[in-house]
Amino acid sequence: QTKIQEFRKVCYTLTGYQVDITRESQYRLTSMYAEHKDDCLIF
């Protein structure tokens, strides 16, 4: 769990995007420079 949190922080710091799993096979990307908290991309 600690490694997962560390990995998420490293991804956010290096890429500028926070990656969250919304449902199976769907991923939500939120930029650290987003103007609104709901501004996101879904892949």
PDB file of all heavy atoms in Angstrom:
ATOM      1  N   GLN A   1       0.836  -1.203   0.000  1.00  0.00           N
ATOM      2  CA  GLN A   1       0.000   0.000   0.000  1.00  0.00           C
ATOM      3  C   GLN A   1       0.873   1.255   0.000  1.00  0.00           C
ATOM      4  O   GLN A   1       0.590   2.241  -0.685  1.00  0.00           O
ATOM      5  CB  GLN A   1      -0.934  -0.022   1.218  1.00  0.00           C
ATOM      6  CG  GLN A   1      -1.962   1.083   1.239  1.00  0.00           C
ATOM      7  CD  GLN A   1      -2.957   0.960   0.112  1.00  0.00           C
ATOM      8  OE1 GLN A   1      -3.199  -0.121  -0.369  1.00  0.00           O
ATOM      9  NE2 GLN A   1      -3.535   2.076  -0.307  1.00  0.00           N
ATOM     10  N   THR A   2       1.945   1.202   0.812  1.00  0.00           N
ATOM     11  CA  THR A   2       2.866   2.340   0.841  1.00  0.00           C
ATOM     12  C   THR A   2       3.528   2.536  -0.517  1.00  0.00           C
ATOM     13  O   THR A   2       3.668   3.671  -1.002  1.00  0.00           O
ATOM     14  CB  THR A   2       3.930   2.107   1.926  1.00  0.00           C
ATOM     15  OG1 THR A   2       3.277   1.903   3.197  1.00  0.00           O
ATOM     16  CG2 THR A   2       4.867   3.294   2.024  1.00  0.00           C
ATOM     17  N   LYS A   3       3.939   1.428  -1.156  1.00  0.00           N
ATOM     18  CA  LYS A   3       4.576   1.523  -2.469  1.00  0.00           C
ATOM     19  C   LYS A   3       3.598   2.062  -3.512  1.00  0.00           C
ATOM     20  O   LYS A   3       3.982   2.824  -4.408  1.00  0.00           O
ATOM     21  CB  LYS A   3       5.100   0.150  -2.906  1.00  0.00           C
ATOM     22  CG  LYS A   3       6.281  -0.359  -2.083  1.00  0.00           C
ATOM     23  CD  LYS A   3       7.495   0.530  -2.283  1.00  0.00           C
ATOM     24  CE  LYS A   3       8.703   0.001  -1.508  1.00  0.00           C
ATOM     25  NZ  LYS A   3       9.876   0.876  -1.679  1.00  0.00           N
ATOM     26  N   ILE A   4       2.339   1.665  -3.406  1.00  0.00           N
ATOM     27  CA  ILE A   4       1.342   2.155  -4.369  1.00  0.00           C
ATOM     28  C   ILE A   4       1.173   3.659  -4.232  1.00  0.00           C
ATOM     29  O   ILE A   4       1.129   4.404  -5.231  1.00  0.00           O
ATOM     30  CB  ILE A   4       0.005   1.417  -4.158  1.00  0.00           C
ATOM     31  CG1 ILE A   4       0.126  -0.036  -4.612  1.00  0.00           C
ATOM     32  CG2 ILE A   4      -1.129   2.106  -4.922  1.00  0.00           C
ATOM     33  CD1 ILE A   4      -1.074  -0.886  -4.278  1.00  0.00           C
ATOM     34  N   GLN A   5       1.060   4.136  -2.990  1.00  0.00           N
ATOM     35  CA  GLN A   5       0.933   5.572  -2.774  1.00  0.00           C
ATOM     36  C   GLN A   5       2.169   6.315  -3.274  1.00  0.00           C
ATOM     37  O   GLN A   5       2.074   7.392  -3.883  1.00  0.00           O
ATOM     38  CB  GLN A   5       0.702   5.856  -1.276  1.00  0.00           C
ATOM     39  CG  GLN A   5      -0.608   5.309  -0.734  1.00  0.00           C
ATOM     40  CD  GLN A   5      -1.817   5.920  -1.424  1.00  0.00           C
ATOM     41  OE1 GLN A   5      -1.786   7.086  -1.835  1.00  0.00           O
ATOM     42  NE2 GLN A   5      -2.889   5.145  -1.527  1.00  0.00           N
ATOM     43  N   GLU A   6       3.346   5.730  -3.014  1.00  0.00           N
ATOM     44  CA  GLU A   6       4.581   6.348  -3.489  1.00  0.00           C
ATOM     45  C   GLU A   6       4.607   6.401  -5.018  1.00  0.00           C
ATOM     46  O   GLU A   6       5.004   7.408  -5.614  1.00  0.00           O
ATOM     47  CB  GLU A   6       5.776   5.543  -2.966  1.00  0.00           C
ATOM     48  CG  GLU A   6       7.122   6.082  -3.427  1.00  0.00           C
ATOM     49  CD  GLU A   6       8.269   5.217  -2.938  1.00  0.00           C
ATOM     50  OE1 GLU A   6       8.015   4.328  -2.087  1.00  0.00           O
ATOM     51  OE2 GLU A   6       9.404   5.420  -3.409  1.00  0.00           O
ATOM     52  N   PHE A   7       4.159   5.320  -5.655  1.00  0.00           N
ATOM     53  CA  PHE A   7       4.126   5.268  -7.117  1.00  0.00           C
ATOM     54  C   PHE A   7       3.174   6.316  -7.690  1.00  0.00           C
ATOM     55  O   PHE A   7       3.483   6.980  -8.681  1.00  0.00           O
ATOM     56  CB  PHE A   7       3.712   3.868  -7.556  1.00  0.00           C
ATOM     57  CG  PHE A   7       3.576   3.716  -9.040  1.00  0.00           C
ATOM     58  CD1 PHE A   7       4.687   3.685  -9.859  1.00  0.00           C
ATOM     59  CD2 PHE A   7       2.314   3.619  -9.622  1.00  0.00           C
ATOM     60  CE1 PHE A   7       4.553   3.545 -11.234  1.00  0.00           C
ATOM     61  CE2 PHE A   7       2.180   3.487 -10.984  1.00  0.00           C
ATOM     62  CZ  PHE A   7       3.302   3.449 -11.793  1.00  0.00           C
ATOM     63  N   ARG A   8       2.016   6.480  -7.070  1.00  0.00           N
ATOM     64  CA  ARG A   8       1.055   7.475  -7.537  1.00  0.00           C
ATOM     65  C   ARG A   8       1.623   8.895  -7.420  1.00  0.00           C
ATOM     66  O   ARG A   8       1.448   9.732  -8.311  1.00  0.00           O
ATOM     67  CB  ARG A   8      -0.243   7.358  -6.739  1.00  0.00           C
ATOM     68  CG  ARG A   8      -1.072   6.133  -7.100  1.00  0.00           C
ATOM     69  CD  ARG A   8      -2.233   5.955  -6.122  1.00  0.00           C
ATOM     70  NE  ARG A   8      -3.090   7.118  -6.126  1.00  0.00           N
ATOM     71  CZ  ARG A   8      -4.093   7.304  -6.968  1.00  0.00           C
ATOM     72  NH1 ARG A   8      -4.360   6.400  -7.885  1.00  0.00           N
ATOM     73  NH2 ARG A   8      -4.849   8.381  -6.903  1.00  0.00           N
ATOM     74  N   LYS A   9       2.313   9.168  -6.304  1.00  0.00           N
ATOM     75  CA  LYS A   9       2.903  10.502  -6.132  1.00  0.00           C
ATOM     76  C   LYS A   9       4.007  10.753  -7.157  1.00  0.00           C
ATOM     77  O   LYS A   9       4.125  11.862  -7.694  1.00  0.00           O
ATOM     78  CB  LYS A   9       3.451  10.631  -4.709  1.00  0.00           C
ATOM     79  CG  LYS A   9       2.367  10.652  -3.628  1.00  0.00           C
ATOM     80  CD  LYS A   9       2.977  10.758  -2.246  1.00  0.00           C
ATOM     81  CE  LYS A   9       1.902  10.769  -1.165  1.00  0.00           C
ATOM     82  NZ  LYS A   9       2.477  10.831   0.201  1.00  0.00           N
ATOM     83  N   VAL A  10       4.811   9.718  -7.433  1.00  0.00           N
ATOM     84  CA  VAL A  10       5.881   9.876  -8.414  1.00  0.00           C
ATOM     85  C   VAL A  10       5.294  10.139  -9.800  1.00  0.00           C
ATOM     86  O   VAL A  10       5.774  11.011 -10.539  1.00  0.00           O
ATOM     87  CB  VAL A  10       6.779   8.615  -8.422  1.00  0.00           C
ATOM     88  CG1 VAL A  10       7.743   8.649  -9.617  1.00  0.00           C
ATOM     89  CG2 VAL A  10       7.574   8.531  -7.129  1.00  0.00           C
ATOM     90  N   CYS A  11       4.236   9.392 -10.163  1.00  0.00           N
ATOM     91  CA  CYS A  11       3.582   9.618 -11.462  1.00  0.00           C
ATOM     92  C   CYS A  11       3.026  11.030 -11.548  1.00  0.00           C
ATOM     93  O   CYS A  11       3.158  11.703 -12.582  1.00  0.00           O
ATOM     94  CB  CYS A  11       2.463   8.592 -11.667  1.00  0.00           C
ATOM     95  SG  CYS A  11       3.054   6.923 -11.972  1.00  0.00           S
ATOM     96  N   TYR A  12       2.420  11.495 -10.467  1.00  0.00           N
ATOM     97  CA  TYR A  12       1.816  12.828 -10.479  1.00  0.00           C
ATOM     98  C   TYR A  12       2.899  13.906 -10.605  1.00  0.00           C
ATOM     99  O   TYR A  12       2.740  14.894 -11.314  1.00  0.00           O
ATOM    100  CB  TYR A  12       1.006  13.015  -9.211  1.00  0.00           C
ATOM    101  CG  TYR A  12       0.267  14.344  -9.145  1.00  0.00           C
ATOM    102  CD1 TYR A  12      -0.831  14.589  -9.966  1.00  0.00           C
ATOM    103  CD2 TYR A  12       0.670  15.333  -8.260  1.00  0.00           C
ATOM    104  CE1 TYR A  12      -1.505  15.793  -9.909  1.00  0.00           C
ATOM    105  CE2 TYR A  12      -0.003  16.540  -8.190  1.00  0.00           C
ATOM    106  CZ  TYR A  12      -1.096  16.770  -9.021  1.00  0.00           C
ATOM    107  OH  TYR A  12      -1.755  17.959  -8.957  1.00  0.00           O
ATOM    108  N   THR A  13       4.031  13.691  -9.912  1.00  0.00           N
ATOM    109  CA  THR A  13       5.098  14.699  -9.940  1.00  0.00           C
ATOM    110  C   THR A  13       5.805  14.731 -11.286  1.00  0.00           C
ATOM    111  O   THR A  13       6.122  15.809 -11.814  1.00  0.00           O
ATOM    112  CB  THR A  13       6.115  14.404  -8.821  1.00  0.00           C
ATOM    113  OG1 THR A  13       5.437  14.396  -7.559  1.00  0.00           O
ATOM    114  CG2 THR A  13       7.203  15.460  -8.793  1.00  0.00           C
ATOM    115  N   LEU A  14       6.069  13.558 -11.883  1.00  0.00           N
ATOM    116  CA  LEU A  14       6.834  13.499 -13.123  1.00  0.00           C
ATOM    117  C   LEU A  14       5.994  13.784 -14.354  1.00  0.00           C
ATOM    118  O   LEU A  14       6.464  14.434 -15.293  1.00  0.00           O
ATOM    119  CB  LEU A  14       7.494  12.130 -13.265  1.00  0.00           C
ATOM    120  CG  LEU A  14       8.572  11.793 -12.227  1.00  0.00           C
ATOM    121  CD1 LEU A  14       9.115  10.401 -12.483  1.00  0.00           C
ATOM    122  CD2 LEU A  14       9.703  12.814 -12.269  1.00  0.00           C
ATOM    123  N   THR A  15       4.772  13.318 -14.390  1.00  0.00           N
ATOM    124  CA  THR A  15       3.937  13.485 -15.589  1.00  0.00           C
ATOM    125  C   THR A  15       2.973  14.646 -15.483  1.00  0.00           C
ATOM    126  O   THR A  15       2.483  15.133 -16.511  1.00  0.00           O
ATOM    127  CB  THR A  15       3.143  12.202 -15.865  1.00  0.00           C
ATOM    128  OG1 THR A  15       2.203  11.979 -14.796  1.00  0.00           O
ATOM    129  CG2 THR A  15       4.074  11.003 -15.966  1.00  0.00           C
ATOM    130  N   GLY A  16       2.665  15.078 -14.255  1.00  0.00           N
ATOM    131  CA  GLY A  16       1.712  16.172 -14.091  1.00  0.00           C
ATOM    132  C   GLY A  16       0.270  15.722 -14.125  1.00  0.00           C
ATOM    133  O   GLY A  16      -0.632  16.559 -14.148  1.00  0.00           O
ATOM    134  N   TYR A  17       0.028  14.430 -14.120  1.00  0.00           N
ATOM    135  CA  TYR A  17      -1.331  13.903 -14.175  1.00  0.00           C
ATOM    136  C   TYR A  17      -1.551  12.925 -13.014  1.00  0.00           C
ATOM    137  O   TYR A  17      -0.694  12.081 -12.721  1.00  0.00           O
ATOM    138  CB  TYR A  17      -1.595  13.182 -15.498  1.00  0.00           C
ATOM    139  CG  TYR A  17      -1.727  14.115 -16.676  1.00  0.00           C
ATOM    140  CD1 TYR A  17      -0.618  14.408 -17.471  1.00  0.00           C
ATOM    141  CD2 TYR A  17      -2.942  14.705 -16.987  1.00  0.00           C
ATOM    142  CE1 TYR A  17      -0.726  15.274 -18.556  1.00  0.00           C
ATOM    143  CE2 TYR A  17      -3.060  15.570 -18.070  1.00  0.00           C
ATOM    144  CZ  TYR A  17      -1.959  15.844 -18.843  1.00  0.00           C
ATOM    145  OH  TYR A  17      -2.067  16.694 -19.917  1.00  0.00           O
ATOM    146  N   GLN A  18      -2.736  13.061 -12.405  1.00  0.00           N
ATOM    147  CA  GLN A  18      -3.156  12.097 -11.392  1.00  0.00           C
ATOM    148  C   GLN A  18      -4.052  11.062 -12.068  1.00  0.00           C
ATOM    149  O   GLN A  18      -5.060  11.409 -12.693  1.00  0.00           O
ATOM    150  CB  GLN A  18      -3.934  12.789 -10.273  1.00  0.00           C
ATOM    151  CG  GLN A  18      -4.440  11.835  -9.196  1.00  0.00           C
ATOM    152  CD  GLN A  18      -5.155  12.583  -8.080  1.00  0.00           C
ATOM    153  OE1 GLN A  18      -5.011  13.786  -7.940  1.00  0.00           O
ATOM    154  NE2 GLN A  18      -5.933  11.868  -7.302  1.00  0.00           N
ATOM    155  N   VAL A  19      -3.691   9.800 -11.949  1.00  0.00           N
ATOM    156  CA  VAL A  19      -4.406   8.712 -12.621  1.00  0.00           C
ATOM    157  C   VAL A  19      -5.263   7.987 -11.592  1.00  0.00           C
ATOM    158  O   VAL A  19      -4.751   7.527 -10.566  1.00  0.00           O
ATOM    159  CB  VAL A  19      -3.424   7.738 -13.303  1.00  0.00           C
ATOM    160  CG1 VAL A  19      -4.189   6.645 -14.039  1.00  0.00           C
ATOM    161  CG2 VAL A  19      -2.513   8.484 -14.259  1.00  0.00           C
ATOM    162  N   ASP A  20      -6.558   7.887 -11.884  1.00  0.00           N
ATOM    163  CA  ASP A  20      -7.502   7.173 -11.023  1.00  0.00           C
ATOM    164  C   ASP A  20      -8.268   6.164 -11.869  1.00  0.00           C
ATOM    165  O   ASP A  20      -8.568   6.417 -13.050  1.00  0.00           O
ATOM    166  CB  ASP A  20      -8.491   8.134 -10.350  1.00  0.00           C
ATOM    167  CG  ASP A  20      -7.791   9.136  -9.443  1.00  0.00           C
ATOM    168  OD1 ASP A  20      -7.056   8.701  -8.553  1.00  0.00           O
ATOM    169  OD2 ASP A  20      -7.967  10.353  -9.653  1.00  0.00           O
ATOM    170  N   ILE A  21      -8.585   5.030 -11.270  1.00  0.00           N
ATOM    171  CA  ILE A  21      -9.380   4.000 -11.936  1.00  0.00           C
ATOM    172  C   ILE A  21     -10.840   4.216 -11.563  1.00  0.00           C
ATOM    173  O   ILE A  21     -11.225   4.059 -10.405  1.00  0.00           O
ATOM    174  CB  ILE A  21      -8.919   2.589 -11.536  1.00  0.00           C
ATOM    175  CG1 ILE A  21      -7.441   2.391 -11.892  1.00  0.00           C
ATOM    176  CG2 ILE A  21      -9.774   1.521 -12.218  1.00  0.00           C
ATOM    177  CD1 ILE A  21      -6.881   1.067 -11.442  1.00  0.00           C
ATOM    178  N   THR A  22     -11.645   4.611 -12.551  1.00  0.00           N
ATOM    179  CA  THR A  22     -13.063   4.872 -12.284  1.00  0.00           C
ATOM    180  C   THR A  22     -13.880   3.588 -12.294  1.00  0.00           C
ATOM    181  O   THR A  22     -14.735   3.374 -11.451  1.00  0.00           O
ATOM    182  CB  THR A  22     -13.620   5.846 -13.322  1.00  0.00           C
ATOM    183  OG1 THR A  22     -13.433   5.299 -14.638  1.00  0.00           O
ATOM    184  CG2 THR A  22     -12.898   7.187 -13.241  1.00  0.00           C
ATOM    185  N   ARG A  23     -13.610   2.732 -13.242  1.00  0.00           N
ATOM    186  CA  ARG A  23     -14.238   1.420 -13.324  1.00  0.00           C
ATOM    187  C   ARG A  23     -13.284   0.504 -14.078  1.00  0.00           C
ATOM    188  O   ARG A  23     -12.169   0.924 -14.401  1.00  0.00           O
ATOM    189  CB  ARG A  23     -15.599   1.489 -14.033  1.00  0.00           C
ATOM    190  CG  ARG A  23     -15.518   1.999 -15.477  1.00  0.00           C
ATOM    191  CD  ARG A  23     -16.890   2.074 -16.126  1.00  0.00           C
ATOM    192  NE  ARG A  23     -17.729   3.075 -15.476  1.00  0.00           N
ATOM    193  CZ  ARG A  23     -18.972   3.336 -15.848  1.00  0.00           C
ATOM    194  NH1 ARG A  23     -19.505   2.650 -16.850  1.00  0.00           N
ATOM    195  NH2 ARG A  23     -19.665   4.275 -15.248  1.00  0.00           N
ATOM    196  N   GLU A  24     -13.701  -0.699 -14.324  1.00  0.00           N
ATOM    197  CA  GLU A  24     -12.799  -1.650 -14.970  1.00  0.00           C
ATOM    198  C   GLU A  24     -12.430  -1.169 -16.368  1.00  0.00           C
ATOM    199  O   GLU A  24     -13.289  -0.831 -17.176  1.00  0.00           O
ATOM    200  CB  GLU A  24     -13.472  -3.026 -15.070  1.00  0.00           C
ATOM    201  CG  GLU A  24     -12.566  -4.113 -15.626  1.00  0.00           C
ATOM    202  CD  GLU A  24     -13.237  -5.467 -15.645  1.00  0.00           C
ATOM    203  OE1 GLU A  24     -14.402  -5.535 -15.242  1.00  0.00           O
ATOM    204  OE2 GLU A  24     -12.586  -6.429 -16.057  1.00  0.00           O
ATOM    205  N   SER A  25     -11.125  -1.111 -16.631  1.00  0.00           N
ATOM    206  CA  SER A  25     -10.548  -0.727 -17.927  1.00  0.00           C
ATOM    207  C   SER A  25     -10.793   0.739 -18.270  1.00  0.00           C
ATOM    208  O   SER A  25     -10.674   1.119 -19.428  1.00  0.00           O
ATOM    209  CB  SER A  25     -11.098  -1.622 -19.058  1.00  0.00           C
ATOM    210  OG  SER A  25     -10.812  -2.965 -18.812  1.00  0.00           O
ATOM    211  N   GLN A  26     -11.167   1.578 -17.288  1.00  0.00           N
ATOM    212  CA  GLN A  26     -11.329   3.010 -17.534  1.00  0.00           C
ATOM    213  C   GLN A  26     -10.471   3.787 -16.542  1.00  0.00           C
ATOM    214  O   GLN A  26     -10.469   3.484 -15.341  1.00  0.00           O
ATOM    215  CB  GLN A  26     -12.800   3.439 -17.409  1.00  0.00           C
ATOM    216  CG  GLN A  26     -13.648   3.023 -18.594  1.00  0.00           C
ATOM    217  CD  GLN A  26     -14.992   3.725 -18.611  1.00  0.00           C
ATOM    218  OE1 GLN A  26     -15.242   4.617 -17.799  1.00  0.00           O
ATOM    219  NE2 GLN A  26     -15.865   3.321 -19.522  1.00  0.00           N
ATOM    220  N   TYR A  27      -9.759   4.822 -17.061  1.00  0.00           N
ATOM    221  CA  TYR A  27      -8.818   5.571 -16.250  1.00  0.00           C
ATOM    222  C   TYR A  27      -9.095   7.069 -16.438  1.00  0.00           C
ATOM    223  O   TYR A  27      -9.271   7.549 -17.561  1.00  0.00           O
ATOM    224  CB  TYR A  27      -7.373   5.245 -16.666  1.00  0.00           C
ATOM    225  CG  TYR A  27      -7.073   3.768 -16.642  1.00  0.00           C
ATOM    226  CD1 TYR A  27      -7.254   2.986 -17.786  1.00  0.00           C
ATOM    227  CD2 TYR A  27      -6.650   3.142 -15.480  1.00  0.00           C
ATOM    228  CE1 TYR A  27      -7.009   1.626 -17.762  1.00  0.00           C
ATOM    229  CE2 TYR A  27      -6.389   1.783 -15.450  1.00  0.00           C
ATOM    230  CZ  TYR A  27      -6.572   1.034 -16.597  1.00  0.00           C
ATOM    231  OH  TYR A  27      -6.330  -0.306 -16.571  1.00  0.00           O
ATOM    232  N   ARG A  28      -9.111   7.776 -15.308  1.00  0.00           N
ATOM    233  CA  ARG A  28      -9.356   9.211 -15.323  1.00  0.00           C
ATOM    234  C   ARG A  28      -8.043   9.946 -15.061  1.00  0.00           C
ATOM    235  O   ARG A  28      -7.360   9.673 -14.069  1.00  0.00           O
ATOM    236  CB  ARG A  28     -10.389   9.582 -14.262  1.00  0.00           C
ATOM    237  CG  ARG A  28     -10.721  11.079 -14.220  1.00  0.00           C
ATOM    238  CD  ARG A  28     -11.759  11.345 -13.152  1.00  0.00           C
ATOM    239  NE  ARG A  28     -11.235  10.988 -11.846  1.00  0.00           N
ATOM    240  CZ  ARG A  28     -12.004  10.668 -10.795  1.00  0.00           C
ATOM    241  NH1 ARG A  28     -13.309  10.657 -10.913  1.00  0.00           N
ATOM    242  NH2 ARG A  28     -11.448  10.353  -9.629  1.00  0.00           N
ATOM    243  N   LEU A  29      -7.697  10.903 -15.924  1.00  0.00           N
ATOM    244  CA  LEU A  29      -6.479  11.695 -15.814  1.00  0.00           C
ATOM    245  C   LEU A  29      -6.861  13.133 -15.489  1.00  0.00           C
ATOM    246  O   LEU A  29      -7.659  13.752 -16.206  1.00  0.00           O
ATOM    247  CB  LEU A  29      -5.671  11.656 -17.108  1.00  0.00           C
ATOM    248  CG  LEU A  29      -4.712  10.459 -17.299  1.00  0.00           C
ATOM    249  CD1 LEU A  29      -5.495   9.169 -17.465  1.00  0.00           C
ATOM    250  CD2 LEU A  29      -3.797  10.687 -18.491  1.00  0.00           C
ATOM    251  N   THR A  30      -6.274  13.638 -14.397  1.00  0.00           N
ATOM    252  CA  THR A  30      -6.518  15.017 -13.975  1.00  0.00           C
ATOM    253  C   THR A  30      -5.183  15.741 -13.914  1.00  0.00           C
ATOM    254  O   THR A  30      -4.265  15.308 -13.211  1.00  0.00           O
ATOM    255  CB  THR A  30      -7.208  15.053 -12.606  1.00  0.00           C
ATOM    256  OG1 THR A  30      -8.402  14.274 -12.655  1.00  0.00           O
ATOM    257  CG2 THR A  30      -7.559  16.481 -12.218  1.00  0.00           C
ATOM    258  N   SER A  31      -5.057  16.826 -14.649  1.00  0.00           N
ATOM    259  CA  SER A  31      -3.800  17.578 -14.704  1.00  0.00           C
ATOM    260  C   SER A  31      -3.643  18.437 -13.447  1.00  0.00           C
ATOM    261  O   SER A  31      -4.618  18.944 -12.891  1.00  0.00           O
ATOM    262  CB  SER A  31      -3.763  18.463 -15.952  1.00  0.00           C
ATOM    263  OG  SER A  31      -2.603  19.265 -15.947  1.00  0.00           O
ATOM    264  N   MET A  32      -2.387  18.600 -13.020  1.00  0.00           N
ATOM    265  CA  MET A  32      -2.121  19.470 -11.871  1.00  0.00           C
ATOM    266  C   MET A  32      -2.352  20.943 -12.216  1.00  0.00           C
ATOM    267  O   MET A  32      -2.481  21.777 -11.323  1.00  0.00           O
ATOM    268  CB  MET A  32      -0.681  19.248 -11.379  1.00  0.00           C
ATOM    269  CG  MET A  32       0.386  19.672 -12.380  1.00  0.00           C
ATOM    270  SD  MET A  32       2.047  19.696 -11.664  1.00  0.00           S
ATOM    271  CE  MET A  32       2.236  18.033 -11.102  1.00  0.00           C
ATOM    272  N   TYR A  33      -2.421  21.240 -13.514  1.00  0.00           N
ATOM    273  CA  TYR A  33      -2.676  22.613 -13.940  1.00  0.00           C
ATOM    274  C   TYR A  33      -4.126  22.835 -14.372  1.00  0.00           C
ATOM    275  O   TYR A  33      -4.434  23.817 -15.042  1.00  0.00           O
ATOM    276  CB  TYR A  33      -1.751  22.974 -15.114  1.00  0.00           C
ATOM    277  CG  TYR A  33      -0.301  22.813 -14.793  1.00  0.00           C
ATOM    278  CD1 TYR A  33       0.489  21.871 -15.451  1.00  0.00           C
ATOM    279  CD2 TYR A  33       0.309  23.594 -13.799  1.00  0.00           C
ATOM    280  CE1 TYR A  33       1.831  21.710 -15.141  1.00  0.00           C
ATOM    281  CE2 TYR A  33       1.651  23.444 -13.497  1.00  0.00           C
ATOM    282  CZ  TYR A  33       2.407  22.498 -14.163  1.00  0.00           C
ATOM    283  OH  TYR A  33       3.735  22.347 -13.857  1.00  0.00           O
ATOM    284  N   ALA A  34      -5.015  21.898 -14.028  1.00  0.00           N
ATOM    285  CA  ALA A  34      -6.419  22.032 -14.420  1.00  0.00           C
ATOM    286  C   ALA A  34      -7.036  23.261 -13.756  1.00  0.00           C
ATOM    287  O   ALA A  34      -6.767  23.557 -12.582  1.00  0.00           O
ATOM    288  CB  ALA A  34      -7.191  20.779 -14.040  1.00  0.00           C
ATOM    289  N   GLU A  35      -7.857  23.980 -14.514  1.00  0.00           N
ATOM    290  CA  GLU A  35      -8.493  25.175 -13.986  1.00  0.00           C
ATOM    291  C   GLU A  35      -9.626  24.841 -13.027  1.00  0.00           C
ATOM    292  O   GLU A  35      -9.926  25.607 -12.118  1.00  0.00           O
ATOM    293  CB  GLU A  35      -9.019  26.017 -15.152  1.00  0.00           C
ATOM    294  CG  GLU A  35      -7.910  26.510 -16.086  1.00  0.00           C
ATOM    295  CD  GLU A  35      -8.478  27.266 -17.277  1.00  0.00           C
ATOM    296  OE1 GLU A  35      -9.711  27.219 -17.469  1.00  0.00           O
ATOM    297  OE2 GLU A  35      -7.698  27.911 -18.002  1.00  0.00           O
ATOM    298  N   HIS A  36     -10.292  23.718 -13.234  1.00  0.00           N
ATOM    299  CA  HIS A  36     -11.383  23.280 -12.364  1.00  0.00           C
ATOM    300  C   HIS A  36     -11.134  21.835 -11.967  1.00  0.00           C
ATOM    301  O   HIS A  36     -10.493  21.064 -12.693  1.00  0.00           O
ATOM    302  CB  HIS A  36     -12.742  23.402 -13.068  1.00  0.00           C
ATOM    303  CG  HIS A  36     -13.014  24.783 -13.613  1.00  0.00           C
ATOM    304  ND1 HIS A  36     -12.648  25.150 -14.890  1.00  0.00           N
ATOM    305  CD2 HIS A  36     -13.601  25.869 -13.039  1.00  0.00           C
ATOM    306  CE1 HIS A  36     -12.999  26.408 -15.107  1.00  0.00           C
ATOM    307  NE2 HIS A  36     -13.579  26.876 -13.994  1.00  0.00           N
ATOM    308  N   LYS A  37     -11.652  21.445 -10.829  1.00  0.00           N
ATOM    309  CA  LYS A  37     -11.407  20.093 -10.331  1.00  0.00           C
ATOM    310  C   LYS A  37     -12.116  19.035 -11.162  1.00  0.00           C
ATOM    311  O   LYS A  37     -11.735  17.851 -11.143  1.00  0.00           O
ATOM    312  CB  LYS A  37     -11.845  19.969  -8.865  1.00  0.00           C
ATOM    313  CG  LYS A  37     -13.343  20.175  -8.658  1.00  0.00           C
ATOM    314  CD  LYS A  37     -13.702  20.002  -7.199  1.00  0.00           C
ATOM    315  CE  LYS A  37     -15.207  20.168  -6.964  1.00  0.00           C
ATOM    316  NZ  LYS A  37     -15.565  19.976  -5.536  1.00  0.00           N
ATOM    317  N   ASP A  38     -13.160  19.440 -11.906  1.00  0.00           N
ATOM    318  CA  ASP A  38     -13.875  18.483 -12.751  1.00  0.00           C
ATOM    319  C   ASP A  38     -13.273  18.374 -14.148  1.00  0.00           C
ATOM    320  O   ASP A  38     -13.779  17.590 -14.969  1.00  0.00           O
ATOM    321  CB  ASP A  38     -15.350  18.885 -12.875  1.00  0.00           C
ATOM    322  CG  ASP A  38     -16.070  18.803 -11.530  1.00  0.00           C
ATOM    323  OD1 ASP A  38     -15.637  17.995 -10.702  1.00  0.00           O
ATOM    324  OD2 ASP A  38     -17.054  19.544 -11.323  1.00  0.00           O
ATOM    325  N   ASP A  39     -12.221  19.156 -14.453  1.00  0.00           N
ATOM    326  CA  ASP A  39     -11.582  19.067 -15.763  1.00  0.00           C
ATOM    327  C   ASP A  39     -10.715  17.817 -15.812  1.00  0.00           C
ATOM    328  O   ASP A  39      -9.656  17.749 -15.165  1.00  0.00           O
ATOM    329  CB  ASP A  39     -10.727  20.308 -16.031  1.00  0.00           C
ATOM    330  CG  ASP A  39     -11.583  21.555 -16.179  1.00  0.00           C
ATOM    331  OD1 ASP A  39     -12.811  21.403 -16.339  1.00  0.00           O
ATOM    332  OD2 ASP A  39     -11.017  22.670 -16.114  1.00  0.00           O
ATOM    333  N   CYS A  40     -11.158  16.839 -16.550  1.00  0.00           N
ATOM    334  CA  CYS A  40     -10.429  15.565 -16.584  1.00  0.00           C
ATOM    335  C   CYS A  40     -10.623  14.908 -17.943  1.00  0.00           C
ATOM    336  O   CYS A  40     -11.516  15.255 -18.717  1.00  0.00           O
ATOM    337  CB  CYS A  40     -10.898  14.629 -15.461  1.00  0.00           C
ATOM    338  SG  CYS A  40     -12.624  14.144 -15.619  1.00  0.00           S
ATOM    339  N   LEU A  41      -9.760  13.946 -18.203  1.00  0.00           N
ATOM    340  CA  LEU A  41      -9.837  13.116 -19.402  1.00  0.00           C
ATOM    341  C   LEU A  41     -10.068  11.674 -18.967  1.00  0.00           C
ATOM    342  O   LEU A  41      -9.530  11.233 -17.950  1.00  0.00           O
ATOM    343  CB  LEU A  41      -8.540  13.195 -20.217  1.00  0.00           C
ATOM    344  CG  LEU A  41      -8.149  14.580 -20.743  1.00  0.00           C
ATOM    345  CD1 LEU A  41      -6.753  14.519 -21.346  1.00  0.00           C
ATOM    346  CD2 LEU A  41      -9.155  15.070 -21.770  1.00  0.00           C
ATOM    347  N   ILE A  42     -10.844  10.954 -19.752  1.00  0.00           N
ATOM    348  CA  ILE A  42     -11.139   9.553 -19.438  1.00  0.00           C
ATOM    349  C   ILE A  42     -10.699   8.699 -20.626  1.00  0.00           C
ATOM    350  O   ILE A  42     -11.138   8.931 -21.760  1.00  0.00           O
ATOM    351  CB  ILE A  42     -12.640   9.339 -19.139  1.00  0.00           C
ATOM    352  CG1 ILE A  42     -13.035  10.123 -17.886  1.00  0.00           C
ATOM    353  CG2 ILE A  42     -12.930   7.851 -18.956  1.00  0.00           C
ATOM    354  CD1 ILE A  42     -14.500   9.979 -17.513  1.00  0.00           C
ATOM    355  N   PHE A  43      -9.813   7.756 -20.348  1.00  0.00           N
ATOM    356  CA  PHE A  43      -9.345   6.816 -21.362  1.00  0.00           C
ATOM    357  C   PHE A  43      -9.878   5.430 -21.026  1.00  0.00           C
ATOM    358  O   PHE A  43      -9.983   5.049 -19.854  1.00  0.00           O
ATOM    359  CB  PHE A  43      -7.813   6.771 -21.421  1.00  0.00           C
ATOM    360  CG  PHE A  43      -7.199   7.994 -22.041  1.00  0.00           C
ATOM    361  CD1 PHE A  43      -6.876   9.107 -21.265  1.00  0.00           C
ATOM    362  CD2 PHE A  43      -6.957   8.044 -23.401  1.00  0.00           C
ATOM    363  CE1 PHE A  43      -6.311  10.223 -21.823  1.00  0.00           C
ATOM    364  CE2 PHE A  43      -6.385   9.168 -23.967  1.00  0.00           C
ATOM    365  CZ  PHE A  43      -6.064  10.267 -23.194  1.00  0.00           C
TER     366      PHE A  43
END
